[in-house]
Amino acid sequence: MAFANTNTRPAARNSGLVDALAGLGAFFGSIVDSFRRYRVYQATFEALNNLSDAELRDLGISRHEISRVAGEAAFINK
């Protein structure tokens, strides 16, 4: 005859450590993601800023919009 384990409580000893490590991983993951997004912002800003006014006009962007466009590329689009 087989018996089913009906104990649904998590292991008390390791659950706190596992939760702490998961939280720490999420924290560092968000820091890495923030740096990655900022680098995308910087690269986009620099690339657009190096274009001439005529090239920007061809793209439909004016020079004062470069910061907004770079921000959208880095922080809005995923």
PDB file of N, CA and C in Angstrom:
ATOM      1  N   MET A   1       0.842  -1.169   0.000  1.00  0.00           N
ATOM      2  CA  MET A   1       0.000   0.000   0.000  1.00  0.00           C
ATOM      3  C   MET A   1       0.892   1.239   0.000  1.00  0.00           C
ATOM      4  N   ALA A   2       0.545   2.245  -0.806  1.00  0.00           N
ATOM      5  CA  ALA A   2       1.329   3.481  -0.910  1.00  0.00           C
ATOM      6  C   ALA A   2       0.630   4.598  -0.154  1.00  0.00           C
ATOM      7  N   PHE A   3       1.416   5.448   0.420  1.00  0.00           N
ATOM      8  CA  PHE A   3       0.877   6.581   1.155  1.00  0.00           C
ATOM      9  C   PHE A   3       1.341   7.872   0.478  1.00  0.00           C
ATOM     10  N   ALA A   4       0.465   8.830   0.391  1.00  0.00           N
ATOM     11  CA  ALA A   4       0.797  10.140  -0.182  1.00  0.00           C
ATOM     12  C   ALA A   4       1.256  11.066   0.921  1.00  0.00           C
ATOM     13  N   ASN A   5       2.227  11.852   0.645  1.00  0.00           N
ATOM     14  CA  ASN A   5       2.710  12.846   1.600  1.00  0.00           C
ATOM     15  C   ASN A   5       1.784  14.053   1.522  1.00  0.00           C
ATOM     16  N   THR A   6       1.081  14.329   2.558  1.00  0.00           N
ATOM     17  CA  THR A   6       0.130  15.444   2.576  1.00  0.00           C
ATOM     18  C   THR A   6       0.700  16.670   3.277  1.00  0.00           C
ATOM     19  N   ASN A   7       1.954  16.633   3.611  1.00  0.00           N
ATOM     20  CA  ASN A   7       2.594  17.771   4.259  1.00  0.00           C
ATOM     21  C   ASN A   7       2.854  18.851   3.207  1.00  0.00           C
ATOM     22  N   THR A   8       2.138  19.959   3.280  1.00  0.00           N
ATOM     23  CA  THR A   8       2.280  21.032   2.292  1.00  0.00           C
ATOM     24  C   THR A   8       3.103  22.202   2.807  1.00  0.00           C
ATOM     25  N   ARG A   9       3.617  22.084   4.015  1.00  0.00           N
ATOM     26  CA  ARG A   9       4.452  23.154   4.559  1.00  0.00           C
ATOM     27  C   ARG A   9       5.815  23.143   3.896  1.00  0.00           C
ATOM     28  N   PRO A  10       6.355  24.330   3.540  1.00  0.00           N
ATOM     29  CA  PRO A  10       7.699  24.363   2.966  1.00  0.00           C
ATOM     30  C   PRO A  10       8.735  24.047   4.025  1.00  0.00           C
ATOM     31  N   ALA A  11       9.876  23.646   3.594  1.00  0.00           N
ATOM     32  CA  ALA A  11      10.957  23.358   4.533  1.00  0.00           C
ATOM     33  C   ALA A  11      11.326  24.652   5.247  1.00  0.00           C
ATOM     34  N   ALA A  12      11.137  24.685   6.528  1.00  0.00           N
ATOM     35  CA  ALA A  12      11.320  25.912   7.311  1.00  0.00           C
ATOM     36  C   ALA A  12      12.779  26.341   7.347  1.00  0.00           C
ATOM     37  N   ARG A  13      13.668  25.403   7.307  1.00  0.00           N
ATOM     38  CA  ARG A  13      15.072  25.709   7.466  1.00  0.00           C
ATOM     39  C   ARG A  13      15.658  26.424   6.252  1.00  0.00           C
ATOM     40  N   ASN A  14      15.281  26.027   5.063  1.00  0.00           N
ATOM     41  CA  ASN A  14      15.906  26.572   3.857  1.00  0.00           C
ATOM     42  C   ASN A  14      15.079  27.635   3.150  1.00  0.00           C
ATOM     43  N   SER A  15      13.801  27.759   3.470  1.00  0.00           N
ATOM     44  CA  SER A  15      12.961  28.676   2.708  1.00  0.00           C
ATOM     45  C   SER A  15      13.396  30.132   2.872  1.00  0.00           C
ATOM     46  N   GLY A  16      13.826  30.530   4.042  1.00  0.00           N
ATOM     47  CA  GLY A  16      14.275  31.901   4.256  1.00  0.00           C
ATOM     48  C   GLY A  16      15.521  32.218   3.451  1.00  0.00           C
ATOM     49  N   LEU A  17      16.452  31.284   3.409  1.00  0.00           N
ATOM     50  CA  LEU A  17      17.683  31.474   2.657  1.00  0.00           C
ATOM     51  C   LEU A  17      17.399  31.532   1.159  1.00  0.00           C
ATOM     52  N   VAL A  18      16.533  30.650   0.693  1.00  0.00           N
ATOM     53  CA  VAL A  18      16.177  30.631  -0.728  1.00  0.00           C
ATOM     54  C   VAL A  18      15.496  31.931  -1.117  1.00  0.00           C
ATOM     55  N   ASP A  19      14.585  32.398  -0.280  1.00  0.00           N
ATOM     56  CA  ASP A  19      13.906  33.670  -0.559  1.00  0.00           C
ATOM     57  C   ASP A  19      14.887  34.838  -0.571  1.00  0.00           C
ATOM     58  N   ALA A  20      15.827  34.837   0.365  1.00  0.00           N
ATOM     59  CA  ALA A  20      16.817  35.911   0.430  1.00  0.00           C
ATOM     60  C   ALA A  20      17.703  35.902  -0.810  1.00  0.00           C
ATOM     61  N   LEU A  21      18.130  34.724  -1.235  1.00  0.00           N
ATOM     62  CA  LEU A  21      18.969  34.632  -2.428  1.00  0.00           C
ATOM     63  C   LEU A  21      18.201  35.029  -3.685  1.00  0.00           C
ATOM     64  N   ALA A  22      16.940  34.665  -3.746  1.00  0.00           N
ATOM     65  CA  ALA A  22      16.111  35.060  -4.896  1.00  0.00           C
ATOM     66  C   ALA A  22      15.950  36.579  -4.931  1.00  0.00           C
ATOM     67  N   GLY A  23      15.720  37.185  -3.790  1.00  0.00           N
ATOM     68  CA  GLY A  23      15.602  38.641  -3.714  1.00  0.00           C
ATOM     69  C   GLY A  23      16.905  39.331  -4.082  1.00  0.00           C
ATOM     70  N   LEU A  24      18.016  38.781  -3.635  1.00  0.00           N
ATOM     71  CA  LEU A  24      19.324  39.341  -3.956  1.00  0.00           C
ATOM     72  C   LEU A  24      19.603  39.225  -5.450  1.00  0.00           C
ATOM     73  N   GLY A  25      19.239  38.099  -6.035  1.00  0.00           N
ATOM     74  CA  GLY A  25      19.415  37.917  -7.472  1.00  0.00           C
ATOM     75  C   GLY A  25      18.581  38.903  -8.266  1.00  0.00           C
ATOM     76  N   ALA A  26      17.349  39.132  -7.832  1.00  0.00           N
ATOM     77  CA  ALA A  26      16.480  40.091  -8.513  1.00  0.00           C
ATOM     78  C   ALA A  26      17.040  41.507  -8.384  1.00  0.00           C
ATOM     79  N   PHE A  27      17.585  41.825  -7.221  1.00  0.00           N
ATOM     80  CA  PHE A  27      18.168  43.150  -6.995  1.00  0.00           C
ATOM     81  C   PHE A  27      19.338  43.397  -7.944  1.00  0.00           C
ATOM     82  N   PHE A  28      20.282  42.459  -7.996  1.00  0.00           N
ATOM     83  CA  PHE A  28      21.433  42.627  -8.875  1.00  0.00           C
ATOM     84  C   PHE A  28      21.029  42.571 -10.339  1.00  0.00           C
ATOM     85  N   GLY A  29      20.011  41.788 -10.657  1.00  0.00           N
ATOM     86  CA  GLY A  29      19.503  41.745 -12.021  1.00  0.00           C
ATOM     87  C   GLY A  29      18.953  43.091 -12.449  1.00  0.00           C
ATOM     88  N   SER A  30      18.270  43.776 -11.545  1.00  0.00           N
ATOM     89  CA  SER A  30      17.722  45.090 -11.889  1.00  0.00           C
ATOM     90  C   SER A  30      18.833  46.130 -12.054  1.00  0.00           C
ATOM     91  N   ILE A  31      19.908  45.996 -11.281  1.00  0.00           N
ATOM     92  CA  ILE A  31      21.043  46.913 -11.437  1.00  0.00           C
ATOM     93  C   ILE A  31      21.708  46.696 -12.790  1.00  0.00           C
ATOM     94  N   VAL A  32      21.912  45.447 -13.154  1.00  0.00           N
ATOM     95  CA  VAL A  32      22.519  45.137 -14.450  1.00  0.00           C
ATOM     96  C   VAL A  32      21.630  45.642 -15.580  1.00  0.00           C
ATOM     97  N   ASP A  33      20.329  45.462 -15.446  1.00  0.00           N
ATOM     98  CA  ASP A  33      19.396  45.939 -16.467  1.00  0.00           C
ATOM     99  C   ASP A  33      19.443  47.463 -16.584  1.00  0.00           C
ATOM    100  N   SER A  34      19.552  48.149 -15.460  1.00  0.00           N
ATOM    101  CA  SER A  34      19.639  49.618 -15.487  1.00  0.00           C
ATOM    102  C   SER A  34      20.898  50.089 -16.210  1.00  0.00           C
ATOM    103  N   PHE A  35      22.029  49.448 -15.930  1.00  0.00           N
ATOM    104  CA  PHE A  35      23.264  49.817 -16.620  1.00  0.00           C
ATOM    105  C   PHE A  35      23.161  49.529 -18.114  1.00  0.00           C
ATOM    106  N   ARG A  36      22.566  48.390 -18.470  1.00  0.00           N
ATOM    107  CA  ARG A  36      22.418  48.045 -19.877  1.00  0.00           C
ATOM    108  C   ARG A  36      21.554  49.082 -20.589  1.00  0.00           C
ATOM    109  N   ARG A  37      20.459  49.481 -19.984  1.00  0.00           N
ATOM    110  CA  ARG A  37      19.573  50.474 -20.587  1.00  0.00           C
ATOM    111  C   ARG A  37      20.261  51.833 -20.703  1.00  0.00           C
ATOM    112  N   TYR A  38      21.038  52.215 -19.704  1.00  0.00           N
ATOM    113  CA  TYR A  38      21.743  53.494 -19.770  1.00  0.00           C
ATOM    114  C   TYR A  38      22.775  53.485 -20.897  1.00  0.00           C
ATOM    115  N   ARG A  39      23.427  52.343 -21.106  1.00  0.00           N
ATOM    116  CA  ARG A  39      24.393  52.250 -22.202  1.00  0.00           C
ATOM    117  C   ARG A  39      23.690  52.365 -23.552  1.00  0.00           C
ATOM    118  N   VAL A  40      22.497  51.796 -23.675  1.00  0.00           N
ATOM    119  CA  VAL A  40      21.717  51.950 -24.904  1.00  0.00           C
ATOM    120  C   VAL A  40      21.378  53.421 -25.099  1.00  0.00           C
ATOM    121  N   TYR A  41      20.979  54.100 -24.014  1.00  0.00           N
ATOM    122  CA  TYR A  41      20.677  55.530 -24.089  1.00  0.00           C
ATOM    123  C   TYR A  41      21.892  56.309 -24.580  1.00  0.00           C
ATOM    124  N   GLN A  42      23.040  56.051 -23.962  1.00  0.00           N
ATOM    125  CA  GLN A  42      24.255  56.782 -24.336  1.00  0.00           C
ATOM    126  C   GLN A  42      24.621  56.555 -25.800  1.00  0.00           C
ATOM    127  N   ALA A  43      24.589  55.302 -26.228  1.00  0.00           N
ATOM    128  CA  ALA A  43      24.964  54.983 -27.607  1.00  0.00           C
ATOM    129  C   ALA A  43      23.992  55.618 -28.597  1.00  0.00           C
ATOM    130  N   THR A  44      22.700  55.569 -28.296  1.00  0.00           N
ATOM    131  CA  THR A  44      21.701  56.162 -29.180  1.00  0.00           C
ATOM    132  C   THR A  44      21.860  57.672 -29.229  1.00  0.00           C
ATOM    133  N   PHE A  45      22.030  58.287 -28.071  1.00  0.00           N
ATOM    134  CA  PHE A  45      22.212  59.734 -28.013  1.00  0.00           C
ATOM    135  C   PHE A  45      23.434  60.157 -28.817  1.00  0.00           C
ATOM    136  N   GLU A  46      24.543  59.459 -28.612  1.00  0.00           N
ATOM    137  CA  GLU A  46      25.778  59.814 -29.312  1.00  0.00           C
ATOM    138  C   GLU A  46      25.630  59.641 -30.828  1.00  0.00           C
ATOM    139  N   ALA A  47      25.013  58.541 -31.238  1.00  0.00           N
ATOM    140  CA  ALA A  47      24.841  58.294 -32.671  1.00  0.00           C
ATOM    141  C   ALA A  47      23.971  59.370 -33.315  1.00  0.00           C
ATOM    142  N   LEU A  48      22.879  59.719 -32.663  1.00  0.00           N
ATOM    143  CA  LEU A  48      21.998  60.745 -33.216  1.00  0.00           C
ATOM    144  C   LEU A  48      22.644  62.124 -33.166  1.00  0.00           C
ATOM    145  N   ASN A  49      23.365  62.402 -32.112  1.00  0.00           N
ATOM    146  CA  ASN A  49      23.999  63.708 -31.956  1.00  0.00           C
ATOM    147  C   ASN A  49      25.094  63.923 -32.995  1.00  0.00           C
ATOM    148  N   ASN A  50      25.695  62.849 -33.486  1.00  0.00           N
ATOM    149  CA  ASN A  50      26.751  62.961 -34.492  1.00  0.00           C
ATOM    150  C   ASN A  50      26.208  63.162 -35.904  1.00  0.00           C
ATOM    151  N   LEU A  51      24.901  63.020 -36.089  1.00  0.00           N
ATOM    152  CA  LEU A  51      24.306  63.231 -37.402  1.00  0.00           C
ATOM    153  C   LEU A  51      24.171  64.725 -37.695  1.00  0.00           C
ATOM    154  N   SER A  52      24.167  65.052 -38.958  1.00  0.00           N
ATOM    155  CA  SER A  52      23.958  66.450 -39.354  1.00  0.00           C
ATOM    156  C   SER A  52      22.466  66.784 -39.216  1.00  0.00           C
ATOM    157  N   ASP A  53      22.165  68.067 -39.254  1.00  0.00           N
ATOM    158  CA  ASP A  53      20.766  68.492 -39.179  1.00  0.00           C
ATOM    159  C   ASP A  53      19.955  67.935 -40.352  1.00  0.00           C
ATOM    160  N   ALA A  54      20.583  67.860 -41.531  1.00  0.00           N
ATOM    161  CA  ALA A  54      19.888  67.316 -42.703  1.00  0.00           C
ATOM    162  C   ALA A  54      19.580  65.831 -42.521  1.00  0.00           C
ATOM    163  N   GLU A  55      20.525  65.085 -41.948  1.00  0.00           N
ATOM    164  CA  GLU A  55      20.299  63.653 -41.715  1.00  0.00           C
ATOM    165  C   GLU A  55      19.211  63.432 -40.665  1.00  0.00           C
ATOM    166  N   LEU A  56      19.231  64.253 -39.635  1.00  0.00           N
ATOM    167  CA  LEU A  56      18.177  64.164 -38.614  1.00  0.00           C
ATOM    168  C   LEU A  56      16.815  64.491 -39.219  1.00  0.00           C
ATOM    169  N   ARG A  57      16.790  65.497 -40.068  1.00  0.00           N
ATOM    170  CA  ARG A  57      15.546  65.887 -40.730  1.00  0.00           C
ATOM    171  C   ARG A  57      15.019  64.731 -41.597  1.00  0.00           C
ATOM    172  N   ASP A  58      15.919  64.016 -42.265  1.00  0.00           N
ATOM    173  CA  ASP A  58      15.517  62.848 -43.061  1.00  0.00           C
ATOM    174  C   ASP A  58      14.867  61.775 -42.194  1.00  0.00           C
ATOM    175  N   LEU A  59      15.317  61.682 -40.941  1.00  0.00           N
ATOM    176  CA  LEU A  59      14.749  60.707 -40.003  1.00  0.00           C
ATOM    177  C   LEU A  59      13.484  61.229 -39.317  1.00  0.00           C
ATOM    178  N   GLY A  60      13.204  62.499 -39.520  1.00  0.00           N
ATOM    179  CA  GLY A  60      12.030  63.100 -38.883  1.00  0.00           C
ATOM    180  C   GLY A  60      12.266  63.497 -37.446  1.00  0.00           C
ATOM    181  N   ILE A  61      13.524  63.766 -37.118  1.00  0.00           N
ATOM    182  CA  ILE A  61      13.908  64.127 -35.748  1.00  0.00           C
ATOM    183  C   ILE A  61      14.593  65.486 -35.787  1.00  0.00           C
ATOM    184  N   SER A  62      14.210  66.360 -34.877  1.00  0.00           N
ATOM    185  CA  SER A  62      14.944  67.623 -34.757  1.00  0.00           C
ATOM    186  C   SER A  62      15.980  67.456 -33.642  1.00  0.00           C
ATOM    187  N   ARG A  63      16.966  68.326 -33.657  1.00  0.00           N
ATOM    188  CA  ARG A  63      18.077  68.176 -32.703  1.00  0.00           C
ATOM    189  C   ARG A  63      17.615  68.210 -31.249  1.00  0.00           C
ATOM    190  N   HIS A  64      16.598  68.993 -30.929  1.00  0.00           N
ATOM    191  CA  HIS A  64      16.149  69.070 -29.536  1.00  0.00           C
ATOM    192  C   HIS A  64      15.371  67.818 -29.101  1.00  0.00           C
ATOM    193  N   GLU A  65      15.064  66.925 -30.019  1.00  0.00           N
ATOM    194  CA  GLU A  65      14.349  65.687 -29.688  1.00  0.00           C
ATOM    195  C   GLU A  65      15.280  64.500 -29.449  1.00  0.00           C
ATOM    196  N   ILE A  66      16.561  64.683 -29.617  1.00  0.00           N
ATOM    197  CA  ILE A  66      17.511  63.564 -29.522  1.00  0.00           C
ATOM    198  C   ILE A  66      17.437  62.889 -28.155  1.00  0.00           C
ATOM    199  N   SER A  67      17.405  63.667 -27.099  1.00  0.00           N
ATOM    200  CA  SER A  67      17.350  63.093 -25.752  1.00  0.00           C
ATOM    201  C   SER A  67      16.087  62.250 -25.547  1.00  0.00           C
ATOM    202  N   ARG A  68      14.951  62.756 -26.032  1.00  0.00           N
ATOM    203  CA  ARG A  68      13.692  62.018 -25.898  1.00  0.00           C
ATOM    204  C   ARG A  68      13.723  60.718 -26.684  1.00  0.00           C
ATOM    205  N   VAL A  69      14.228  60.781 -27.907  1.00  0.00           N
ATOM    206  CA  VAL A  69      14.285  59.591 -28.754  1.00  0.00           C
ATOM    207  C   VAL A  69      15.225  58.548 -28.140  1.00  0.00           C
ATOM    208  N   ALA A  70      16.361  58.988 -27.633  1.00  0.00           N
ATOM    209  CA  ALA A  70      17.299  58.070 -26.989  1.00  0.00           C
ATOM    210  C   ALA A  70      16.676  57.456 -25.738  1.00  0.00           C
ATOM    211  N   GLY A  71      15.942  58.262 -24.981  1.00  0.00           N
ATOM    212  CA  GLY A  71      15.260  57.740 -23.793  1.00  0.00           C
ATOM    213  C   GLY A  71      14.208  56.710 -24.143  1.00  0.00           C
ATOM    214  N   GLU A  72      13.475  56.955 -25.211  1.00  0.00           N
ATOM    215  CA  GLU A  72      12.471  55.985 -25.647  1.00  0.00           C
ATOM    216  C   GLU A  72      13.129  54.688 -26.089  1.00  0.00           C
ATOM    217  N   ALA A  73      14.255  54.796 -26.785  1.00  0.00           N
ATOM    218  CA  ALA A  73      14.960  53.605 -27.255  1.00  0.00           C
ATOM    219  C   ALA A  73      15.461  52.766 -26.079  1.00  0.00           C
ATOM    220  N   ALA A  74      15.892  53.423 -25.026  1.00  0.00           N
ATOM    221  CA  ALA A  74      16.508  52.705 -23.908  1.00  0.00           C
ATOM    222  C   ALA A  74      15.515  52.295 -22.830  1.00  0.00           C
ATOM    223  N   PHE A  75      14.585  53.164 -22.490  1.00  0.00           N
ATOM    224  CA  PHE A  75      13.795  52.940 -21.293  1.00  0.00           C
ATOM    225  C   PHE A  75      12.329  52.573 -21.545  1.00  0.00           C
ATOM    226  N   ILE A  76      11.806  52.900 -22.717  1.00  0.00           N
ATOM    227  CA  ILE A  76      10.413  52.576 -22.984  1.00  0.00           C
ATOM    228  C   ILE A  76      10.299  51.272 -23.749  1.00  0.00           C
ATOM    229  N   ASN A  77      11.091  51.123 -24.795  1.00  0.00           N
ATOM    230  CA  ASN A  77      11.050  49.897 -25.589  1.00  0.00           C
ATOM    231  C   ASN A  77      11.848  48.810 -24.888  1.00  0.00           C
ATOM    232  N   LYS A  78      11.274  47.625 -24.816  1.00  0.00           N
ATOM    233  CA  LYS A  78      11.976  46.515 -24.168  1.00  0.00           C
ATOM    234  C   LYS A  78      12.377  45.477 -25.166  1.00  0.00           C
TER     235      LYS A  78
END
